C-alpha cells in the first residue's frame, strides 16, 4: 500500500470546499478513496475575503476526507479561480549557442523562464505559462520541438495572470490549515482534464464551468489551450435574484432554484405554484414557477452572453478557429434544468453536460460523477501527474496503548518499539531519496509562500 501514489486535490469554491483523495488503479482509472465537503465561508467570487473562516472550512473538509479514507493528508494541489484571473497571448524566442546540438528540455525551460520575467501590472503575478506552437528557424506549426536541430527557438504562449495578494492569501489558508501546497492549478484547466476527451480538444471545444461565485471558461483547439477567462458571476447571483424577486430568505431561494428552477420560462404553466412556509408564524407565500423561471432565465442569459463574448474574442467565427465540438457545460450551475437548450439557443453551438465519470474507476460512488465534482477530480489527476505522495495511512494512529503486566512484556514491547523506529528511519530515508526529484519545484512554492507572510 505504501507504494501507492496517493494524490489529494483541494477545490476552494465560493459555495463549497471539497477535499478529494485518490489514486490510480491497475487500469489507469482514478479510484477515489475519500471525499470531504464543507460549506465555504470566507470566499467571495472565488477570492478569499476572510482568512479565519476559510481555514476553518478547509480543516472541516480535511477531517471529513481523512475519516472517510483512513489516510492522513500531508499536501494538496489547490485550484485557483476568481475575478482577478486574466490571460494574455505572448510570443518569445531564444537564440541557441550551438545549433549543431538537438533541442532539449533545457532549451524549452529557458524559453518558458524568459516568459516568466515578463513585466506585469503592479500586484500581478504569472500563474501558468502554457506553450502553444513552436517555431524552429522560422519553420512553424511544430508541437514538439525536442530532438530537432535549430538555432532560433520561438513559441507563442498562453499566459495566465492573477493578483499576487489573492494567491498568497490562498497559500496562507492552506498552510494555516496544517497542509503543504504541492501545486497550484487554474480551476478551468482542472475541470477540462476531468470532463473533456482528447478528440474534443483536437476538434475545438469551449468548456464552461458554472460555479457558485464565478463562471470559468477554457477554450481548446488542436489539442492546445487557446483562451481562458473568469466571469465574476455564478449560481449565487441567480439565488440572490430569486431572493430579491420573491422576497424570501436565501436558504429558501437556493432550494427553489435547485428543486423547481428552470432556465426556460416556456416550460412552466401559469397555474403551477409552490407554497413557501412563512417566517415565524406568518402566512405561507405562494410563488409562481413561471415567474421563478423568468428570474432565472434573465440572469442565465446574461452569464451565457458574457461567456459567448469571450468565445467570439478568441475568434470562433474564423473558419480556422471554429470550435467543432461546441460547448461542454460543467460545475454545479450546469445542473439547472433546460440550461443546455438555452446555451444552444443563444450560441448556436452543440452543447453537452460534462460529467467527470470517464476517468473514474467503475466502482466509484455515483455522486462523484456529478458535474459538481469536476474540478476536484481534475485536481486529483493533476496531483497524480506531479507524482506526489500526498497522504499516508492512518492505521498506526488508531492502535490502542497496551496494558503491561510483566517485566517480559515490557521488554518485548521495548524491542518492538525499537524495530518500529528503525523501520521508520529507513522509510524516511527512502522517501527523502524519492522526494529529491521534486524538491526544486516544491522549494520554489515554499519560498514563495514564506515570502508571502
Protein backbone atom coordinates (compact mmCIF):
# COMPACT_ATOMS: atom_id res chain seq x y z
CA UNK A 1 0.00 0.00 0.00
CA UNK A 2 2.94 2.31 0.73
CA UNK A 3 3.98 2.20 -2.92
CA UNK A 4 0.70 3.80 -4.00
CA UNK A 5 0.88 7.34 -5.26
CA UNK A 6 -1.89 8.86 -3.13
CA UNK A 7 -2.98 12.22 -4.55
CA UNK A 8 -5.07 14.96 -2.93
CA UNK A 9 -6.95 17.84 -4.59
CA UNK A 10 -8.42 20.84 -2.74
CA UNK A 11 -11.14 22.82 -4.51
CA UNK A 12 -11.77 26.08 -2.62
CA UNK A 13 -15.02 27.31 -4.13
CA UNK A 14 -17.38 30.15 -3.26
CA UNK A 15 -20.17 27.87 -2.04
CA UNK A 16 -18.32 24.67 -1.07
CA UNK A 17 -14.84 23.37 -0.25
CA UNK A 18 -14.07 19.85 -1.49
CA UNK A 19 -11.09 17.70 -0.49
CA UNK A 20 -10.64 14.56 -2.61
CA UNK A 21 -8.16 11.73 -2.01
CA UNK A 22 -7.48 9.31 -4.86
CA UNK A 23 -5.02 7.00 -6.60
CA UNK A 24 -4.69 5.32 -9.99
CA UNK A 25 -5.86 1.71 -10.13
CA UNK A 26 -4.27 -1.02 -12.27
CA UNK A 27 -6.39 0.05 -15.28
CA UNK A 28 -5.16 3.67 -15.13
CA UNK A 29 -8.51 4.91 -13.82
CA UNK A 30 -8.95 7.17 -10.80
CA UNK A 31 -10.05 5.39 -7.63
CA UNK A 32 -11.48 7.83 -5.07
CA UNK A 33 -10.50 6.81 -1.52
CA UNK A 34 -12.26 9.59 0.36
CA UNK A 35 -14.09 12.90 -0.02
CA UNK A 36 -14.64 15.72 2.46
CA UNK A 37 -17.04 18.58 1.83
CA UNK A 38 -17.82 21.69 3.86
CA UNK A 39 -19.77 24.91 3.34
CA UNK A 40 -17.39 27.57 2.10
CA UNK A 41 -17.31 30.54 4.45
CA UNK A 42 -14.95 33.42 3.79
CA UNK A 43 -14.73 33.12 -0.01
CA UNK A 44 -16.44 35.61 -2.32
CA UNK A 45 -16.43 35.16 -6.11
CA UNK A 46 -13.51 32.76 -5.89
CA UNK A 47 -11.38 35.11 -3.76
CA UNK A 48 -10.60 34.65 -0.04
CA UNK A 49 -12.05 37.58 1.94
CA UNK A 50 -12.00 36.05 5.43
CA UNK A 51 -8.86 34.05 6.29
CA UNK A 52 -10.10 32.60 9.63
CA UNK A 53 -13.41 31.30 8.25
CA UNK A 54 -11.70 29.82 5.16
CA UNK A 55 -9.14 27.97 7.32
CA UNK A 56 -11.96 26.52 9.48
CA UNK A 57 -13.89 25.38 6.37
CA UNK A 58 -10.74 23.75 4.92
CA UNK A 59 -9.99 21.96 8.22
CA UNK A 60 -13.57 20.66 8.42
CA UNK A 61 -13.38 19.22 4.86
CA UNK A 62 -9.90 17.74 5.58
CA UNK A 63 -11.13 15.96 8.74
CA UNK A 64 -14.11 14.51 6.85
CA UNK A 65 -11.88 13.28 3.98
CA UNK A 66 -9.36 11.75 6.41
CA UNK A 67 -12.02 9.85 8.40
CA UNK A 68 -13.69 8.75 5.13
CA UNK A 69 -10.46 7.40 3.62
CA UNK A 70 -8.31 6.34 6.58
CA UNK A 71 -5.42 8.46 5.28
CA UNK A 72 -3.58 11.40 6.85
CA UNK A 73 -3.26 14.29 4.34
CA UNK A 74 0.16 15.96 4.08
CA UNK A 75 -0.03 18.16 1.00
CA UNK A 76 -2.55 19.23 -1.65
CA UNK A 77 -2.86 20.59 -5.18
CA UNK A 78 -5.10 23.66 -4.95
CA UNK A 79 -7.36 25.09 -7.63
CA UNK A 80 -7.29 28.84 -8.22
CA UNK A 81 -10.03 30.94 -9.83
CA UNK A 82 -11.64 34.28 -9.09
CA UNK A 83 -12.43 37.52 -10.86
CA UNK A 84 -8.78 38.67 -10.71
CA UNK A 85 -7.66 35.99 -13.21
CA UNK A 86 -6.89 37.13 -16.75
CA UNK A 87 -4.98 35.65 -19.66
CA UNK A 88 -2.70 37.12 -22.34
CA UNK A 89 -1.15 35.84 -25.55
CA UNK A 90 2.60 36.35 -25.85
CA UNK A 91 5.36 35.29 -28.26
CA UNK A 92 9.03 34.94 -27.32
CA UNK A 93 12.23 33.36 -28.64
CA UNK A 94 15.75 32.31 -27.64
CA UNK A 95 18.90 32.04 -29.76
CA UNK A 96 20.70 28.78 -29.03
CA UNK A 97 24.51 28.98 -28.68
CA UNK A 98 25.05 25.73 -30.60
CA UNK A 99 22.67 24.88 -33.44
CA UNK A 100 24.56 21.60 -34.04
CA UNK A 101 23.06 20.19 -30.82
CA UNK A 102 19.45 18.99 -30.72
CA UNK A 103 16.82 20.99 -28.83
CA UNK A 104 16.17 19.53 -25.37
CA UNK A 105 14.20 20.23 -22.16
CA UNK A 106 16.77 22.78 -21.00
CA UNK A 107 16.05 24.98 -24.06
CA UNK A 108 12.28 24.79 -23.51
CA UNK A 109 12.76 25.64 -19.80
CA UNK A 110 14.96 28.61 -20.78
CA UNK A 111 12.26 29.88 -23.15
CA UNK A 112 9.49 29.46 -20.53
CA UNK A 113 11.75 31.08 -17.89
CA UNK A 114 12.12 34.10 -20.17
CA UNK A 115 8.33 34.49 -20.33
CA UNK A 116 8.18 34.37 -16.51
CA UNK A 117 10.25 37.58 -16.49
CA UNK A 118 7.51 39.48 -18.36
CA UNK A 119 6.62 42.83 -16.78
CA UNK A 120 3.17 42.56 -15.22
CA UNK A 121 0.79 45.21 -13.87
CA UNK A 122 1.51 46.20 -10.23
CA UNK A 123 0.40 43.46 -7.83
CA UNK A 124 0.02 40.80 -10.54
CA UNK A 125 1.84 37.50 -10.83
CA UNK A 126 2.13 34.81 -13.52
CA UNK A 127 0.34 31.56 -12.56
CA UNK A 128 0.80 29.46 -15.74
CA UNK A 129 2.93 29.77 -18.87
CA UNK A 130 1.41 27.36 -21.42
CA UNK A 131 3.36 26.91 -24.70
CA UNK A 132 1.16 26.68 -27.79
CA UNK A 133 3.02 26.18 -31.06
CA UNK A 134 6.77 26.34 -31.60
CA UNK A 135 8.87 27.64 -34.47
CA UNK A 136 12.40 26.42 -35.18
CA UNK A 137 14.45 28.65 -37.50
CA UNK A 138 11.23 30.12 -38.91
CA UNK A 139 9.55 26.75 -39.56
CA UNK A 140 6.15 26.96 -37.86
CA UNK A 141 3.36 24.73 -36.55
CA UNK A 142 5.69 22.50 -34.52
CA UNK A 143 4.02 20.92 -31.49
CA UNK A 144 7.09 19.09 -30.11
CA UNK A 145 10.49 20.67 -30.94
CA UNK A 146 12.57 18.34 -28.71
CA UNK A 147 15.07 16.35 -30.77
CA UNK A 148 15.18 18.85 -33.68
CA UNK A 149 18.19 20.89 -34.82
CA UNK A 150 17.97 24.69 -34.95
CA UNK A 151 19.50 27.95 -33.77
CA UNK A 152 16.39 30.05 -33.05
CA UNK A 153 13.60 28.56 -30.97
CA UNK A 154 10.40 30.58 -30.63
CA UNK A 155 6.90 29.92 -29.40
CA UNK A 156 3.54 31.54 -28.79
CA UNK A 157 2.36 31.28 -25.17
CA UNK A 158 -0.90 31.43 -23.29
CA UNK A 159 -0.02 33.24 -20.05
CA UNK A 160 -2.43 33.11 -17.09
CA UNK A 161 -2.07 36.00 -14.65
CA UNK A 162 -3.61 36.66 -11.21
CA UNK A 163 -3.39 39.02 -8.25
CA UNK A 164 -0.35 38.14 -6.11
CA UNK A 165 -2.21 39.04 -2.88
CA UNK A 166 -5.07 36.62 -3.69
CA UNK A 167 -2.62 33.81 -4.47
CA UNK A 168 -0.72 34.43 -1.21
CA UNK A 169 -3.93 34.54 0.83
CA UNK A 170 -4.91 31.17 -0.65
CA UNK A 171 -1.47 29.77 0.19
CA UNK A 172 -1.68 31.13 3.73
CA UNK A 173 -5.07 29.45 4.31
CA UNK A 174 -3.68 26.09 3.15
CA UNK A 175 -0.56 26.42 5.35
CA UNK A 176 -2.56 27.54 8.40
CA UNK A 177 -4.87 24.52 7.95
CA UNK A 178 -1.75 22.38 8.56
CA UNK A 179 -1.04 21.39 4.95
CA UNK A 180 1.74 21.88 2.42
CA UNK A 181 0.97 23.29 -1.03
CA UNK A 182 2.35 20.92 -3.68
CA UNK A 183 0.87 22.71 -6.70
CA UNK A 184 -1.42 25.47 -7.94
CA UNK A 185 -3.70 24.90 -10.94
CA UNK A 186 -6.17 27.13 -12.72
CA UNK A 187 -9.61 25.63 -12.00
CA UNK A 188 -10.95 25.65 -15.60
CA UNK A 189 -7.84 23.65 -16.64
CA UNK A 190 -8.50 21.10 -13.87
CA UNK A 191 -12.19 20.82 -14.89
CA UNK A 192 -11.11 20.39 -18.53
CA UNK A 193 -8.85 17.46 -17.56
CA UNK A 194 -11.77 15.78 -15.82
CA UNK A 195 -14.57 16.17 -18.40
CA UNK A 196 -13.08 16.68 -21.90
CA UNK A 197 -11.84 13.96 -24.23
CA UNK A 198 -8.68 14.36 -26.33
CA UNK A 199 -10.82 14.26 -29.51
CA UNK A 200 -12.86 17.25 -28.29
CA UNK A 201 -9.70 19.22 -27.50
CA UNK A 202 -8.39 18.47 -31.01
CA UNK A 203 -11.65 19.39 -32.76
CA UNK A 204 -12.09 22.61 -30.78
CA UNK A 205 -14.22 22.95 -27.66
CA UNK A 206 -15.24 25.58 -25.08
CA UNK A 207 -15.54 24.34 -21.50
CA UNK A 208 -17.89 26.45 -19.35
CA UNK A 209 -17.68 25.70 -15.62
CA UNK A 210 -20.57 27.41 -13.83
CA UNK A 211 -19.65 27.58 -10.14
CA UNK A 212 -21.21 29.34 -7.17
CA UNK A 213 -19.27 32.61 -7.44
CA UNK A 214 -17.67 32.55 -10.89
CA UNK A 215 -18.12 31.07 -14.35
CA UNK A 216 -14.83 29.79 -15.79
CA UNK A 217 -14.08 29.36 -19.48
CA UNK A 218 -11.33 27.32 -21.17
CA UNK A 219 -11.09 27.03 -24.96
CA UNK A 220 -9.09 24.25 -26.67
CA UNK A 221 -8.25 23.80 -30.36
CA UNK A 222 -5.82 21.31 -31.97
CA UNK A 223 -5.27 19.83 -28.52
CA UNK A 224 -3.85 23.12 -27.18
CA UNK A 225 -5.31 25.60 -24.66
CA UNK A 226 -6.13 28.77 -26.61
CA UNK A 227 -8.09 31.04 -24.29
CA UNK A 228 -9.14 31.22 -20.64
CA UNK A 229 -11.41 33.68 -18.84
CA UNK A 230 -13.18 34.02 -15.48
CA UNK A 231 -16.58 35.77 -15.45
CA UNK A 232 -17.42 37.09 -11.94
CA UNK A 233 -20.97 35.67 -11.89
CA UNK A 234 -22.23 32.22 -10.98
CA UNK A 235 -25.06 30.36 -9.28
CA UNK A 236 -25.01 32.69 -6.27
CA UNK A 237 -26.25 35.71 -8.23
CA UNK A 238 -29.17 33.63 -9.53
CA UNK A 239 -30.06 32.74 -5.91
CA UNK A 240 -29.69 36.41 -4.94
CA UNK A 241 -32.10 37.44 -7.74
CA UNK A 242 -34.69 34.87 -6.60
CA UNK A 243 -34.33 36.10 -3.01
CA UNK A 244 -34.95 39.72 -4.07
CA UNK A 245 -37.61 38.98 -6.69
CA UNK A 246 -39.71 36.68 -4.49
CA UNK A 247 -38.97 38.41 -1.13
CA UNK A 248 -37.84 35.21 0.59
CA UNK A 249 -34.73 34.22 2.57
CA UNK A 250 -31.57 32.91 0.86
CA UNK A 251 -31.96 29.31 2.07
CA UNK A 252 -35.46 29.11 0.55
CA UNK A 253 -34.27 30.78 -2.68
CA UNK A 254 -31.49 28.17 -3.09
CA UNK A 255 -33.94 25.29 -2.51
CA UNK A 256 -36.41 26.78 -5.01
CA UNK A 257 -33.65 27.12 -7.63
CA UNK A 258 -32.39 23.55 -7.19
CA UNK A 259 -35.78 21.79 -6.96
CA UNK A 260 -38.06 23.81 -9.24
CA UNK A 261 -35.79 26.19 -11.17
CA UNK A 262 -35.64 26.16 -14.96
CA UNK A 263 -33.67 28.33 -17.37
CA UNK A 264 -36.51 28.18 -19.92
CA UNK A 265 -39.73 30.02 -18.84
CA UNK A 266 -41.93 28.49 -21.55
CA UNK A 267 -41.76 25.10 -19.80
CA UNK A 268 -43.92 26.17 -16.84
CA UNK A 269 -47.69 26.62 -16.98
CA UNK A 270 -49.24 29.75 -15.46
CA UNK A 271 -51.08 27.82 -12.75
CA UNK A 272 -48.00 25.98 -11.35
CA UNK A 273 -47.42 27.36 -7.87
CA UNK A 274 -45.13 26.47 -4.95
CA UNK A 275 -46.04 27.34 -1.36
CA UNK A 276 -43.17 28.57 0.84
CA UNK A 277 -43.59 28.44 4.67
CA UNK A 278 -43.87 31.92 6.19
CA UNK A 279 -41.32 33.23 8.70
CA UNK A 280 -42.15 32.90 12.40
CA UNK A 281 -45.91 32.39 12.28
CA UNK A 282 -46.52 34.45 9.13
CA UNK A 283 -48.76 33.25 6.30
CA UNK A 284 -47.18 30.90 3.70
CA UNK A 285 -46.05 32.60 0.50
CA UNK A 286 -47.18 31.37 -2.92
CA UNK A 287 -44.70 31.63 -5.78
CA UNK A 288 -45.49 31.06 -9.45
CA UNK A 289 -42.99 28.73 -11.14
CA UNK A 290 -43.33 30.76 -14.36
CA UNK A 291 -42.11 33.89 -12.53
CA UNK A 292 -39.32 31.89 -10.90
CA UNK A 293 -38.15 30.69 -14.33
CA UNK A 294 -38.28 34.23 -15.73
CA UNK A 295 -35.97 35.47 -12.94
CA UNK A 296 -33.52 32.59 -13.51
CA UNK A 297 -33.70 32.95 -17.31
CA UNK A 298 -32.78 36.65 -17.24
CA UNK A 299 -29.61 36.07 -15.16
CA UNK A 300 -28.50 32.90 -17.01
CA UNK A 301 -28.85 34.72 -20.36
CA UNK A 302 -26.59 37.49 -19.00
CA UNK A 303 -23.93 34.96 -17.88
CA UNK A 304 -24.03 32.99 -21.15
CA UNK A 305 -23.83 36.18 -23.25
CA UNK A 306 -20.68 37.25 -21.37
CA UNK A 307 -19.14 33.83 -21.94
CA UNK A 308 -20.13 33.93 -25.64
CA UNK A 309 -18.46 37.36 -25.95
CA UNK A 310 -15.21 35.71 -24.73
CA UNK A 311 -15.65 32.86 -27.25
CA UNK A 312 -16.04 35.47 -30.03
CA UNK A 313 -12.97 37.31 -28.68
CA UNK A 314 -10.97 34.10 -29.17
CA UNK A 315 -12.10 34.19 -32.82
CA UNK A 316 -14.59 31.30 -33.04
CA UNK A 317 -16.15 32.85 -36.16
CA UNK A 318 -12.89 32.42 -38.12
CA UNK A 319 -13.20 29.09 -40.06
CA UNK A 320 -9.68 28.05 -38.95
CA UNK A 321 -10.56 28.60 -35.28
CA UNK A 322 -14.04 27.07 -35.38
CA UNK A 323 -14.94 25.02 -32.31
CA UNK A 324 -16.30 21.88 -33.98
CA UNK A 325 -17.05 20.06 -30.69
CA UNK A 326 -19.08 23.06 -29.48
CA UNK A 327 -19.60 23.68 -25.74
CA UNK A 328 -19.30 21.45 -22.67
CA UNK A 329 -21.08 22.68 -19.50
CA UNK A 330 -19.93 21.56 -16.06
CA UNK A 331 -19.95 22.73 -12.42
CA UNK A 332 -22.96 22.93 -10.09
CA UNK A 333 -24.74 25.51 -12.28
CA UNK A 334 -24.85 23.09 -15.23
CA UNK A 335 -27.44 21.01 -13.31
CA UNK A 336 -30.07 23.73 -13.77
CA UNK A 337 -32.97 22.40 -15.84
CA UNK A 338 -33.00 23.29 -19.57
CA UNK A 339 -29.70 25.20 -19.38
CA UNK A 340 -28.28 23.06 -22.21
CA UNK A 341 -31.13 24.09 -24.53
CA UNK A 342 -30.73 27.77 -23.58
CA UNK A 343 -26.98 27.73 -24.28
CA UNK A 344 -27.60 26.09 -27.69
CA UNK A 345 -30.28 28.71 -28.45
CA UNK A 346 -28.03 31.70 -27.55
CA UNK A 347 -24.76 30.46 -29.13
CA UNK A 348 -25.99 28.21 -31.93
CA UNK A 349 -23.30 25.69 -30.86
CA UNK A 350 -23.68 21.99 -29.97
CA UNK A 351 -23.75 21.62 -26.19
CA UNK A 352 -23.47 18.73 -23.74
CA UNK A 353 -23.21 18.44 -19.95
CA UNK A 354 -19.73 17.32 -18.80
CA UNK A 355 -19.51 14.55 -16.18
CA UNK A 356 -16.14 13.51 -14.72
CA UNK A 357 -17.07 9.78 -14.81
CA UNK A 358 -14.87 8.95 -17.85
CA UNK A 359 -11.71 8.95 -15.69
CA UNK A 360 -13.25 7.40 -12.55
CA UNK A 361 -12.96 3.70 -11.67
CA UNK A 362 -16.07 1.64 -12.34
CA UNK A 363 -16.88 1.05 -8.65
CA UNK A 364 -16.90 4.78 -7.78
CA UNK A 365 -19.78 6.32 -5.85
CA UNK A 366 -22.42 7.61 -8.28
CA UNK A 367 -22.48 11.01 -6.54
CA UNK A 368 -18.82 11.63 -7.53
CA UNK A 369 -19.66 11.62 -11.24
CA UNK A 370 -21.76 14.77 -10.73
CA UNK A 371 -20.56 17.96 -12.53
CA UNK A 372 -20.22 19.45 -9.00
CA UNK A 373 -17.03 17.42 -8.51
CA UNK A 374 -15.41 18.04 -11.92
CA UNK A 375 -12.79 20.49 -10.59
CA UNK A 376 -11.88 18.29 -7.59
CA UNK A 377 -11.43 15.21 -9.84
CA UNK A 378 -9.24 17.28 -12.20
CA UNK A 379 -7.08 18.48 -9.28
CA UNK A 380 -6.51 14.89 -8.08
CA UNK A 381 -5.48 13.94 -11.65
CA UNK A 382 -3.09 16.90 -11.63
CA UNK A 383 -1.61 15.76 -8.30
CA UNK A 384 -1.08 12.23 -9.68
CA UNK A 385 0.84 13.73 -12.64
CA UNK A 386 3.06 15.60 -10.15
CA UNK A 387 3.91 12.20 -8.62
CA UNK A 388 3.28 13.46 -5.09
CA UNK A 389 2.81 11.17 -2.08
CA UNK A 390 0.15 13.44 -0.57
CA UNK A 391 -1.31 11.15 2.08
CA UNK A 392 -0.23 8.33 4.40
CA UNK A 393 -2.34 5.59 6.05
CA UNK A 394 -3.83 6.44 9.47
CA UNK A 395 -3.68 2.82 10.73
CA UNK A 396 -0.73 3.43 13.09
CA UNK A 397 -2.59 6.26 14.83
CA UNK A 398 -5.58 4.04 15.69
CA UNK A 399 -3.62 1.49 17.76
CA UNK A 400 -4.52 1.47 21.46
CA UNK A 401 -1.83 1.58 24.14
CA UNK A 402 -1.46 -1.94 25.67
CA UNK A 403 -1.51 -2.51 29.44
CA UNK A 404 1.74 -4.21 30.56
CA UNK A 405 1.65 -6.67 33.44
CA UNK A 406 5.05 -8.41 33.40
CA UNK A 407 8.70 -7.40 33.02
CA UNK A 408 8.98 -9.67 29.92
CA UNK A 409 6.01 -7.94 28.26
CA UNK A 410 7.60 -4.55 28.85
CA UNK A 411 10.94 -5.75 27.37
CA UNK A 412 9.15 -7.26 24.33
CA UNK A 413 7.32 -4.01 23.77
CA UNK A 414 10.61 -2.03 24.00
CA UNK A 415 12.15 -4.32 21.35
CA UNK A 416 9.13 -3.89 19.11
CA UNK A 417 9.29 -0.12 19.53
CA UNK A 418 12.99 -0.09 18.60
CA UNK A 419 12.26 -2.14 15.45
CA UNK A 420 9.44 0.23 14.54
CA UNK A 421 11.69 3.27 14.98
CA UNK A 422 14.41 1.64 12.81
CA UNK A 423 11.80 0.89 10.13
CA UNK A 424 10.53 4.48 10.25
CA UNK A 425 14.08 5.82 9.89
CA UNK A 426 14.58 3.62 6.80
CA UNK A 427 11.24 4.77 5.32
CA UNK A 428 12.13 8.42 5.96
CA UNK A 429 15.47 7.97 4.16
CA UNK A 430 13.72 6.22 1.26
CA UNK A 431 11.08 8.98 0.99
CA UNK A 432 13.82 11.64 1.05
CA UNK A 433 15.53 9.96 -1.91
CA UNK A 434 12.22 9.75 -3.81
CA UNK A 435 11.41 13.34 -2.97
CA UNK A 436 14.67 14.81 -4.27
CA UNK A 437 13.42 14.78 -7.87
CA UNK A 438 10.58 17.13 -6.99
CA UNK A 439 12.45 19.23 -4.42
CA UNK A 440 13.35 22.03 -6.82
CA UNK A 441 9.69 22.66 -7.72
CA UNK A 442 8.30 22.40 -4.19
CA UNK A 443 11.08 24.54 -2.68
CA UNK A 444 10.12 27.27 -5.14
CA UNK A 445 6.48 27.21 -3.91
CA UNK A 446 7.54 27.09 -0.23
CA UNK A 447 9.91 30.01 -0.72
CA UNK A 448 7.09 31.90 -2.45
CA UNK A 449 4.72 31.24 0.49
CA UNK A 450 7.33 32.12 3.14
CA UNK A 451 7.95 35.43 1.39
CA UNK A 452 4.19 35.99 1.42
CA UNK A 453 3.95 36.02 5.20
